[in-house]
């Protein structure tokens, strides 16, 4: 399962692996 992390601002950070070596995708929410 993907981890959804809330960061400051209006965007979400999705961690694919969560191990720290995976690709992180940034999703902008309006």
N, C-alpha and C. Protein backbone atom coordinates (compact mmCIF):
# COMPACT_ATOMS: atom_id res chain seq x y z
N UNK A 1 0.84 -1.21 0.00
CA UNK A 1 0.00 0.00 0.00
C UNK A 1 0.87 1.25 0.00
N UNK A 2 0.38 2.29 -0.63
CA UNK A 2 1.16 3.53 -0.69
C UNK A 2 0.88 4.40 0.52
N UNK A 3 1.92 5.07 0.97
CA UNK A 3 1.76 5.93 2.16
C UNK A 3 1.53 7.37 1.72
N UNK A 4 0.47 7.94 2.26
CA UNK A 4 0.17 9.34 1.93
C UNK A 4 0.65 10.22 3.07
N UNK A 5 1.55 11.13 2.75
CA UNK A 5 2.08 12.02 3.79
C UNK A 5 1.67 13.45 3.52
N UNK A 6 1.22 14.13 4.57
CA UNK A 6 0.83 15.54 4.44
C UNK A 6 2.04 16.42 4.72
N UNK A 7 2.38 17.28 3.77
CA UNK A 7 3.50 18.20 3.98
C UNK A 7 2.98 19.62 4.00
N UNK A 8 3.80 20.54 4.49
CA UNK A 8 3.36 21.94 4.56
C UNK A 8 3.04 22.46 3.17
N UNK A 9 1.96 23.23 3.05
CA UNK A 9 1.52 23.70 1.75
C UNK A 9 0.30 22.92 1.31
N UNK A 10 0.04 22.92 0.00
CA UNK A 10 -1.12 22.19 -0.49
C UNK A 10 -0.68 21.10 -1.45
N UNK A 11 0.06 20.15 -0.94
CA UNK A 11 0.50 19.04 -1.79
C UNK A 11 0.73 17.79 -0.96
N UNK A 12 0.54 16.66 -1.60
CA UNK A 12 0.71 15.38 -0.90
C UNK A 12 1.94 14.66 -1.43
N UNK A 13 2.60 13.97 -0.56
CA UNK A 13 3.77 13.20 -0.98
C UNK A 13 3.47 11.72 -0.84
N UNK A 14 3.59 11.01 -1.95
CA UNK A 14 3.29 9.58 -1.92
C UNK A 14 4.57 8.76 -1.98
N UNK A 15 4.76 7.93 -1.00
CA UNK A 15 5.95 7.07 -0.99
C UNK A 15 5.58 5.68 -1.50
N UNK A 16 6.19 5.27 -2.58
CA UNK A 16 5.86 3.96 -3.16
C UNK A 16 6.34 2.83 -2.27
N UNK A 17 7.64 2.82 -2.00
CA UNK A 17 8.20 1.74 -1.17
C UNK A 17 8.17 2.11 0.30
N UNK A 18 8.60 3.32 0.60
CA UNK A 18 8.61 3.73 2.01
C UNK A 18 9.89 3.30 2.69
N UNK A 19 10.78 2.68 1.93
CA UNK A 19 12.05 2.23 2.51
C UNK A 19 13.06 3.38 2.49
N UNK A 20 12.78 4.37 1.64
CA UNK A 20 13.69 5.50 1.55
C UNK A 20 14.47 5.45 0.25
N UNK A 21 14.36 4.33 -0.46
CA UNK A 21 15.08 4.20 -1.72
C UNK A 21 14.11 4.12 -2.89
N UNK A 22 12.82 4.34 -2.59
CA UNK A 22 11.81 4.27 -3.65
C UNK A 22 11.57 5.64 -4.26
N UNK A 23 10.82 5.65 -5.34
CA UNK A 23 10.53 6.92 -6.00
C UNK A 23 9.38 7.62 -5.28
N UNK A 24 9.55 8.91 -5.03
CA UNK A 24 8.50 9.68 -4.36
C UNK A 24 7.74 10.53 -5.38
N UNK A 25 6.43 10.41 -5.38
CA UNK A 25 5.62 11.20 -6.30
C UNK A 25 4.92 12.31 -5.53
N UNK A 26 4.97 13.51 -6.07
CA UNK A 26 4.33 14.64 -5.40
C UNK A 26 3.03 14.99 -6.12
N UNK A 27 1.92 14.95 -5.38
CA UNK A 27 0.63 15.28 -5.97
C UNK A 27 0.15 16.61 -5.43
N UNK A 28 -0.18 17.54 -6.33
CA UNK A 28 -0.66 18.85 -5.90
C UNK A 28 -2.17 18.84 -5.79
N UNK A 29 -2.68 19.24 -4.63
CA UNK A 29 -4.12 19.27 -4.43
C UNK A 29 -4.59 20.72 -4.37
N UNK A 30 -5.70 21.01 -5.05
CA UNK A 30 -6.21 22.38 -5.07
C UNK A 30 -7.34 22.53 -4.06
